[in-house]
């Protein structure tokens, strides 16, 4: 049976390049997807750890998300109203604000919170466990690290990302409504009527789909970076920085791809 020292030496023998890292992240994501039915059927699903990680992620992400979404709603309401006045479409201010929040604003804010808060927490925790050789010990003992360690964090992040997306959407829309009524003297009835005219249930579905995909990407990337930590405590810091930057790039790229795909396949929207 290999020792912990040999497992560490093999892991540190060669640092993968960007392409290989991308392939390994995809492989890790596929491994998590395969681990879900396998762990459930074998009755070893880490439910307690999943609940603990979900609660932890809620506690660290909710307040920062609210601190971002409320100022975002104020700025959005002011800018959309100025644009609507310039083109003579103040009657559609409510629809513009709401669609901007649901389609782009809420998923983007969710992505930022996941990258900067949840992803950093996952990467630093797993990185610390790696340099203490806890992960190596699990691997030597034959414990499925993907199933025992990565899976609950991915599921927790996906759940919280969708919940957080709903919270951000609600508070952002309420903020834009209050600013439009109190500052810009728009009627609440006309504001809500324009929303009912242009907004569709599919817009909210798309928003939650984005949030779920963002949560998966964030957790997989952060877990991968944490599991690959090298060079002691400084390596943990480097891994967290790398995880945040990688997540930012991938999440914004994913948002662009999803939005363009939806606009191409359903240019008029889905009722």
Protein backbone atom coordinates (compact mmCIF):
# COMPACT_ATOMS: atom_id res chain seq x y z
CA UNK A 1 0.00 0.00 0.00
CA UNK A 2 1.50 3.40 -0.95
CA UNK A 3 2.48 5.80 1.81
CA UNK A 4 1.30 9.33 2.32
CA UNK A 5 4.77 10.63 1.36
CA UNK A 6 4.77 8.77 -1.96
CA UNK A 7 1.30 10.03 -2.81
CA UNK A 8 2.43 13.58 -2.11
CA UNK A 9 5.57 13.14 -4.23
CA UNK A 10 3.60 11.87 -7.19
CA UNK A 11 1.13 14.74 -6.91
CA UNK A 12 3.91 17.33 -6.86
CA UNK A 13 5.99 15.78 -9.61
CA UNK A 14 4.59 17.93 -12.39
CA UNK A 15 2.36 20.99 -12.53
CA UNK A 16 -0.25 20.61 -15.30
CA UNK A 17 -0.58 23.18 -18.06
CA UNK A 18 -3.74 25.24 -18.67
CA UNK A 19 -5.22 22.77 -21.16
CA UNK A 20 -4.57 19.82 -18.91
CA UNK A 21 -6.00 21.73 -15.95
CA UNK A 22 -9.17 22.43 -17.94
CA UNK A 23 -9.49 18.75 -18.84
CA UNK A 24 -8.93 17.71 -15.23
CA UNK A 25 -11.60 20.16 -14.06
CA UNK A 26 -14.04 18.68 -16.56
CA UNK A 27 -13.07 15.20 -15.39
CA UNK A 28 -13.66 16.23 -11.78
CA UNK A 29 -17.08 17.63 -12.69
CA UNK A 30 -18.02 14.41 -14.49
CA UNK A 31 -16.77 12.44 -11.50
CA UNK A 32 -19.07 14.42 -9.22
CA UNK A 33 -22.01 13.79 -11.56
CA UNK A 34 -21.30 10.04 -11.52
CA UNK A 35 -20.85 10.04 -7.75
CA UNK A 36 -24.36 11.35 -7.06
CA UNK A 37 -26.36 8.27 -8.18
CA UNK A 38 -23.59 5.91 -7.02
CA UNK A 39 -23.55 7.31 -3.49
CA UNK A 40 -27.34 7.35 -3.25
CA UNK A 41 -27.71 3.76 -4.47
CA UNK A 42 -24.96 2.59 -2.10
CA UNK A 43 -26.53 4.51 0.82
CA UNK A 44 -23.38 6.46 1.54
CA UNK A 45 -24.52 9.89 0.34
CA UNK A 46 -22.89 12.53 2.61
CA UNK A 47 -26.16 14.19 3.60
CA UNK A 48 -24.90 15.60 6.91
CA UNK A 49 -21.87 17.21 5.29
CA UNK A 50 -24.04 18.58 2.48
CA UNK A 51 -26.39 20.23 4.99
CA UNK A 52 -23.46 21.66 6.94
CA UNK A 53 -21.86 23.08 3.80
CA UNK A 54 -25.18 24.50 2.61
CA UNK A 55 -25.75 26.37 5.86
CA UNK A 56 -22.17 27.63 5.92
CA UNK A 57 -22.44 28.92 2.34
CA UNK A 58 -25.73 30.66 3.13
CA UNK A 59 -24.22 32.43 6.11
CA UNK A 60 -21.16 33.73 4.23
CA UNK A 61 -22.87 34.71 0.97
CA UNK A 62 -26.25 36.24 1.86
CA UNK A 63 -25.20 39.54 3.43
CA UNK A 64 -22.55 40.34 0.79
CA UNK A 65 -25.11 39.61 -1.92
CA UNK A 66 -27.61 42.01 -0.34
CA UNK A 67 -24.88 44.63 0.05
CA UNK A 68 -24.28 44.44 -3.70
CA UNK A 69 -27.78 43.97 -5.10
CA UNK A 70 -29.40 46.99 -3.39
CA UNK A 71 -26.91 49.60 -4.74
CA UNK A 72 -27.07 47.78 -8.07
CA UNK A 73 -30.86 48.20 -8.11
CA UNK A 74 -30.54 51.92 -7.38
CA UNK A 75 -28.02 52.52 -10.16
CA UNK A 76 -29.97 50.38 -12.62
CA UNK A 77 -33.22 52.23 -11.95
CA UNK A 78 -31.58 55.62 -12.45
CA UNK A 79 -29.79 54.65 -15.66
CA UNK A 80 -32.75 52.86 -17.24
CA UNK A 81 -35.03 55.81 -16.46
CA UNK A 82 -32.60 58.23 -18.13
CA UNK A 83 -32.42 56.03 -21.22
CA UNK A 84 -36.21 55.57 -21.29
CA UNK A 85 -36.73 59.35 -21.16
CA UNK A 86 -34.29 59.89 -24.02
CA UNK A 87 -36.13 57.45 -26.31
CA UNK A 88 -39.59 58.37 -25.08
CA UNK A 89 -40.39 55.01 -23.54
CA UNK A 90 -40.85 55.78 -19.86
CA UNK A 91 -43.86 53.45 -19.82
CA UNK A 92 -41.52 50.51 -20.23
CA UNK A 93 -39.13 51.45 -17.42
CA UNK A 94 -40.46 48.71 -15.17
CA UNK A 95 -40.02 46.04 -17.82
CA UNK A 96 -36.50 47.24 -18.61
CA UNK A 97 -35.46 47.18 -14.96
CA UNK A 98 -37.01 43.80 -14.25
CA UNK A 99 -35.69 42.07 -17.36
CA UNK A 100 -32.20 43.47 -16.77
CA UNK A 101 -32.25 42.11 -13.22
CA UNK A 102 -33.72 38.70 -14.04
CA UNK A 103 -31.79 37.95 -17.22
CA UNK A 104 -28.39 39.39 -16.35
CA UNK A 105 -28.10 41.30 -13.08
CA UNK A 106 -29.11 38.63 -10.56
CA UNK A 107 -27.09 35.80 -12.18
CA UNK A 108 -24.01 38.03 -12.46
CA UNK A 109 -24.22 39.15 -8.82
CA UNK A 110 -24.69 35.52 -7.82
CA UNK A 111 -21.61 34.58 -9.86
CA UNK A 112 -19.55 37.30 -8.15
CA UNK A 113 -20.60 36.16 -4.68
CA UNK A 114 -19.92 32.52 -5.51
CA UNK A 115 -16.48 33.31 -6.91
CA UNK A 116 -15.32 35.73 -4.25
CA UNK A 117 -16.89 34.18 -1.15
CA UNK A 118 -18.02 30.57 -1.56
CA UNK A 119 -15.25 29.61 -3.96
CA UNK A 120 -12.57 31.14 -1.75
CA UNK A 121 -13.92 29.29 1.29
CA UNK A 122 -13.99 25.94 -0.51
CA UNK A 123 -10.52 26.35 -1.99
CA UNK A 124 -8.90 27.50 1.26
CA UNK A 125 -10.50 24.69 3.28
CA UNK A 126 -9.50 21.94 0.87
CA UNK A 127 -6.07 23.48 0.38
CA UNK A 128 -5.48 23.54 4.12
CA UNK A 129 -6.55 19.93 4.36
CA UNK A 130 -4.19 19.09 1.49
CA UNK A 131 -1.11 20.66 3.09
CA UNK A 132 -1.97 18.90 6.38
CA UNK A 133 -2.00 15.71 4.27
CA UNK A 134 -5.55 14.87 5.29
CA UNK A 135 -6.55 14.44 1.64
CA UNK A 136 -3.52 12.26 1.00
CA UNK A 137 -4.46 10.11 3.99
CA UNK A 138 -7.99 9.66 2.63
CA UNK A 139 -6.63 8.67 -0.76
CA UNK A 140 -4.21 6.15 0.79
CA UNK A 141 -7.05 4.63 2.82
CA UNK A 142 -9.10 4.20 -0.35
CA UNK A 143 -11.74 6.78 0.54
CA UNK A 144 -13.40 8.32 -2.52
CA UNK A 145 -12.35 11.96 -2.17
CA UNK A 146 -14.67 13.12 -4.96
CA UNK A 147 -17.65 11.54 -3.26
CA UNK A 148 -16.77 12.30 0.35
CA UNK A 149 -15.24 15.77 0.03
CA UNK A 150 -16.11 17.40 -3.32
CA UNK A 151 -19.68 16.18 -3.85
CA UNK A 152 -21.29 17.81 -0.77
CA UNK A 153 -19.63 21.13 -1.57
CA UNK A 154 -20.80 21.09 -5.17
CA UNK A 155 -24.38 20.26 -4.20
CA UNK A 156 -24.38 22.87 -1.43
CA UNK A 157 -23.05 25.55 -3.75
CA UNK A 158 -25.64 24.76 -6.43
CA UNK A 159 -28.48 24.89 -3.91
CA UNK A 160 -27.29 28.17 -2.40
CA UNK A 161 -26.62 29.70 -5.80
CA UNK A 162 -30.24 29.16 -6.85
CA UNK A 163 -31.56 30.43 -3.50
CA UNK A 164 -29.23 33.41 -3.66
CA UNK A 165 -30.33 34.16 -7.20
CA UNK A 166 -33.93 34.34 -6.00
CA UNK A 167 -33.01 36.61 -3.09
CA UNK A 168 -30.97 38.93 -5.29
CA UNK A 169 -33.74 39.05 -7.89
CA UNK A 170 -36.38 39.95 -5.30
CA UNK A 171 -34.43 42.69 -3.53
CA UNK A 172 -33.10 44.16 -6.77
CA UNK A 173 -36.59 44.39 -8.28
CA UNK A 174 -38.03 45.89 -5.09
CA UNK A 175 -35.20 48.43 -5.02
CA UNK A 176 -35.77 49.47 -8.64
CA UNK A 177 -39.50 49.78 -7.95
CA UNK A 178 -39.02 51.97 -4.88
CA UNK A 179 -36.47 54.19 -6.61
CA UNK A 180 -38.72 54.60 -9.65
CA UNK A 181 -41.72 55.53 -7.49
CA UNK A 182 -40.04 57.81 -4.97
CA UNK A 183 -37.27 59.45 -6.98
CA UNK A 184 -38.58 59.40 -10.55
CA UNK A 185 -42.32 59.89 -9.81
CA UNK A 186 -43.47 56.87 -11.80
CA UNK A 187 -46.74 55.20 -10.89
CA UNK A 188 -46.55 51.77 -9.31
CA UNK A 189 -49.44 50.56 -11.46
CA UNK A 190 -47.79 51.55 -14.74
CA UNK A 191 -44.47 50.12 -13.58
CA UNK A 192 -45.94 46.72 -12.77
CA UNK A 193 -48.14 46.73 -15.88
CA UNK A 194 -45.11 47.05 -18.13
CA UNK A 195 -43.46 44.15 -16.32
CA UNK A 196 -46.51 41.96 -16.85
CA UNK A 197 -46.57 42.90 -20.54
CA UNK A 198 -42.99 41.97 -21.48
CA UNK A 199 -41.68 39.59 -18.81
CA UNK A 200 -42.18 35.85 -19.23
CA UNK A 201 -41.83 32.86 -16.89
CA UNK A 202 -39.03 31.59 -19.14
CA UNK A 203 -36.93 34.60 -18.12
CA UNK A 204 -36.97 33.44 -14.51
CA UNK A 205 -36.30 29.84 -15.58
CA UNK A 206 -33.26 31.02 -17.55
CA UNK A 207 -32.05 32.98 -14.53
CA UNK A 208 -32.20 29.92 -12.26
CA UNK A 209 -30.58 27.71 -14.89
CA UNK A 210 -27.70 30.18 -15.06
CA UNK A 211 -27.42 30.20 -11.28
CA UNK A 212 -27.27 26.40 -11.14
CA UNK A 213 -24.58 26.25 -13.81
CA UNK A 214 -22.60 29.01 -12.10
CA UNK A 215 -22.77 27.14 -8.80
CA UNK A 216 -21.47 23.96 -10.41
CA UNK A 217 -18.59 25.73 -12.15
CA UNK A 218 -17.60 27.64 -9.02
CA UNK A 219 -17.55 24.59 -6.74
CA UNK A 220 -15.72 22.35 -9.21
CA UNK A 221 -13.03 24.93 -9.98
CA UNK A 222 -12.53 25.85 -6.31
CA UNK A 223 -12.39 22.19 -5.28
CA UNK A 224 -9.90 21.37 -8.00
CA UNK A 225 -7.62 24.28 -7.08
CA UNK A 226 -7.80 23.38 -3.40
CA UNK A 227 -6.99 19.72 -3.99
CA UNK A 228 -3.96 20.67 -6.09
CA UNK A 229 -2.37 23.00 -3.52
CA UNK A 230 1.41 22.81 -3.20
CA UNK A 231 4.18 24.60 -1.27
CA UNK A 232 2.52 24.92 2.12
CA UNK A 233 0.48 27.91 3.36
CA UNK A 234 1.69 30.18 0.56
CA UNK A 235 0.36 27.62 -1.89
CA UNK A 236 -3.09 27.94 -0.33
CA UNK A 237 -3.04 31.69 -0.89
CA UNK A 238 -1.93 31.23 -4.49
CA UNK A 239 -4.62 28.59 -5.07
CA UNK A 240 -7.38 30.85 -3.71
CA UNK A 241 -6.27 33.70 -5.96
CA UNK A 242 -6.11 31.37 -8.95
CA UNK A 243 -9.53 29.91 -8.14
CA UNK A 244 -11.17 33.35 -7.92
CA UNK A 245 -9.63 34.57 -11.18
CA UNK A 246 -10.45 31.33 -13.01
CA UNK A 247 -14.00 31.38 -11.72
CA UNK A 248 -14.49 34.99 -12.79
CA UNK A 249 -13.36 34.19 -16.32
CA UNK A 250 -15.34 30.96 -16.63
CA UNK A 251 -18.53 32.32 -15.07
CA UNK A 252 -18.66 35.39 -17.30
CA UNK A 253 -17.84 33.22 -20.32
CA UNK A 254 -20.61 30.81 -19.34
CA UNK A 255 -23.03 33.71 -18.92
CA UNK A 256 -22.19 34.94 -22.42
CA UNK A 257 -22.57 31.48 -23.98
CA UNK A 258 -25.90 30.79 -22.23
CA UNK A 259 -27.33 34.21 -23.11
CA UNK A 260 -26.25 33.95 -26.74
CA UNK A 261 -27.58 30.41 -27.03
CA UNK A 262 -30.93 31.45 -25.61
CA UNK A 263 -31.09 34.50 -27.88
CA UNK A 264 -30.22 32.39 -30.94
CA UNK A 265 -32.56 29.47 -30.27
CA UNK A 266 -35.42 31.53 -28.83
CA UNK A 267 -35.07 35.08 -30.22
CA UNK A 268 -38.60 36.00 -29.23
CA UNK A 269 -38.44 34.30 -25.86
CA UNK A 270 -40.44 31.35 -24.57
CA UNK A 271 -43.83 31.95 -23.06
